[in-house]
Amino acid sequence: ESLSEREREVLLLVARGYTAAEIAEQLSLSPKTVETYRTRGMEKLGLRSRAALVQYALNHNLLTPT
């Protein structure tokens, strides 16, 4: 199952270390909605933790220097 554009966007921001509240403000969403996108995206990728998400992003060259 592939990620939606919003799931991808939220997961990248989570991997970069942003909190749900910070992501919500940046994307004009509620923190609860951000958590829903994060949970759904991580389930689709078979990831169970933020550390696993960061490792996935690093392994797939998704994190670029800011």
C-alpha atoms as a PDB file:
ATOM      1  CA  GLU A   1       0.000   0.000   0.000  1.00  0.00           C
ATOM      2  CA  SER A   2       1.522   3.297  -1.025  1.00  0.00           C
ATOM      3  CA  LEU A   3       1.647   6.451   1.061  1.00  0.00           C
ATOM      4  CA  SER A   4      -0.529   9.438   0.307  1.00  0.00           C
ATOM      5  CA  GLU A   5       1.215  12.732  -0.366  1.00  0.00           C
ATOM      6  CA  ARG A   6       0.156  14.033   3.062  1.00  0.00           C
ATOM      7  CA  GLU A   7       1.349  10.892   4.851  1.00  0.00           C
ATOM      8  CA  ARG A   8       4.716  11.236   3.123  1.00  0.00           C
ATOM      9  CA  GLU A   9       4.922  14.913   4.065  1.00  0.00           C
ATOM     10  CA  VAL A  10       4.066  14.260   7.720  1.00  0.00           C
ATOM     11  CA  LEU A  11       6.471  11.316   8.019  1.00  0.00           C
ATOM     12  CA  LEU A  12       9.357  13.347   6.632  1.00  0.00           C
ATOM     13  CA  LEU A  13       8.706  16.124   9.118  1.00  0.00           C
ATOM     14  CA  VAL A  14       8.492  13.600  11.964  1.00  0.00           C
ATOM     15  CA  ALA A  15      11.775  12.049  10.809  1.00  0.00           C
ATOM     16  CA  ARG A  16      13.338  15.525  10.869  1.00  0.00           C
ATOM     17  CA  GLY A  17      12.378  15.811  14.536  1.00  0.00           C
ATOM     18  CA  TYR A  18       9.320  18.063  14.450  1.00  0.00           C
ATOM     19  CA  THR A  19       6.571  17.503  17.013  1.00  0.00           C
ATOM     20  CA  ALA A  20       2.950  16.911  16.066  1.00  0.00           C
ATOM     21  CA  ALA A  21       2.101  20.435  17.237  1.00  0.00           C
ATOM     22  CA  GLU A  22       4.854  21.965  15.091  1.00  0.00           C
ATOM     23  CA  ILE A  23       3.812  19.945  12.054  1.00  0.00           C
ATOM     24  CA  ALA A  24       0.161  20.847  12.629  1.00  0.00           C
ATOM     25  CA  GLU A  25       0.995  24.538  12.679  1.00  0.00           C
ATOM     26  CA  GLN A  26       3.183  24.278   9.580  1.00  0.00           C
ATOM     27  CA  LEU A  27       0.564  22.336   7.573  1.00  0.00           C
ATOM     28  CA  SER A  28      -2.545  24.032   8.978  1.00  0.00           C
ATOM     29  CA  LEU A  29      -3.846  20.805  10.518  1.00  0.00           C
ATOM     30  CA  SER A  30      -4.799  19.766  14.027  1.00  0.00           C
ATOM     31  CA  PRO A  31      -2.207  17.819  16.044  1.00  0.00           C
ATOM     32  CA  LYS A  32      -4.670  14.892  16.154  1.00  0.00           C
ATOM     33  CA  THR A  33      -4.856  14.851  12.352  1.00  0.00           C
ATOM     34  CA  VAL A  34      -1.058  14.879  12.164  1.00  0.00           C
ATOM     35  CA  GLU A  35      -0.956  11.886  14.525  1.00  0.00           C
ATOM     36  CA  THR A  36      -3.488  10.074  12.340  1.00  0.00           C
ATOM     37  CA  TYR A  37      -1.357  10.630   9.218  1.00  0.00           C
ATOM     38  CA  ARG A  38       1.772   9.562  11.119  1.00  0.00           C
ATOM     39  CA  THR A  39       0.160   6.397  12.466  1.00  0.00           C
ATOM     40  CA  ARG A  40      -1.367   5.411   9.134  1.00  0.00           C
ATOM     41  CA  GLY A  41       1.872   6.059   7.238  1.00  0.00           C
ATOM     42  CA  MET A  42       4.003   4.137   9.691  1.00  0.00           C
ATOM     43  CA  GLU A  43       1.572   1.198   9.582  1.00  0.00           C
ATOM     44  CA  LYS A  44       1.779   1.130   5.779  1.00  0.00           C
ATOM     45  CA  LEU A  45       5.587   1.037   5.998  1.00  0.00           C
ATOM     46  CA  GLY A  46       5.606  -1.540   8.806  1.00  0.00           C
ATOM     47  CA  LEU A  47       7.420   0.812  11.205  1.00  0.00           C
ATOM     48  CA  ARG A  48       6.838   0.767  14.960  1.00  0.00           C
ATOM     49  CA  SER A  49       8.821   3.708  16.322  1.00  0.00           C
ATOM     50  CA  ARG A  50      10.150   7.158  15.527  1.00  0.00           C
ATOM     51  CA  ALA A  51      13.665   5.672  15.504  1.00  0.00           C
ATOM     52  CA  ALA A  52      12.594   3.115  12.885  1.00  0.00           C
ATOM     53  CA  LEU A  53      11.071   5.935  10.838  1.00  0.00           C
ATOM     54  CA  VAL A  54      14.294   7.957  10.970  1.00  0.00           C
ATOM     55  CA  GLN A  55      16.302   4.869   9.975  1.00  0.00           C
ATOM     56  CA  TYR A  56      13.914   4.221   7.064  1.00  0.00           C
ATOM     57  CA  ALA A  57      14.271   7.832   5.897  1.00  0.00           C
ATOM     58  CA  LEU A  58      18.065   7.647   6.105  1.00  0.00           C
ATOM     59  CA  ASN A  59      18.205   4.299   4.286  1.00  0.00           C
ATOM     60  CA  HIS A  60      16.058   5.684   1.460  1.00  0.00           C
ATOM     61  CA  ASN A  61      17.937   9.000   1.212  1.00  0.00           C
ATOM     62  CA  LEU A  62      14.827  10.961   2.142  1.00  0.00           C
ATOM     63  CA  LEU A  63      16.542  13.258   4.630  1.00  0.00           C
ATOM     64  CA  THR A  64      18.557  16.068   3.154  1.00  0.00           C
ATOM     65  CA  PRO A  65      20.605  18.625   5.058  1.00  0.00           C
ATOM     66  CA  THR A  66      18.572  21.703   5.981  1.00  0.00           C
END
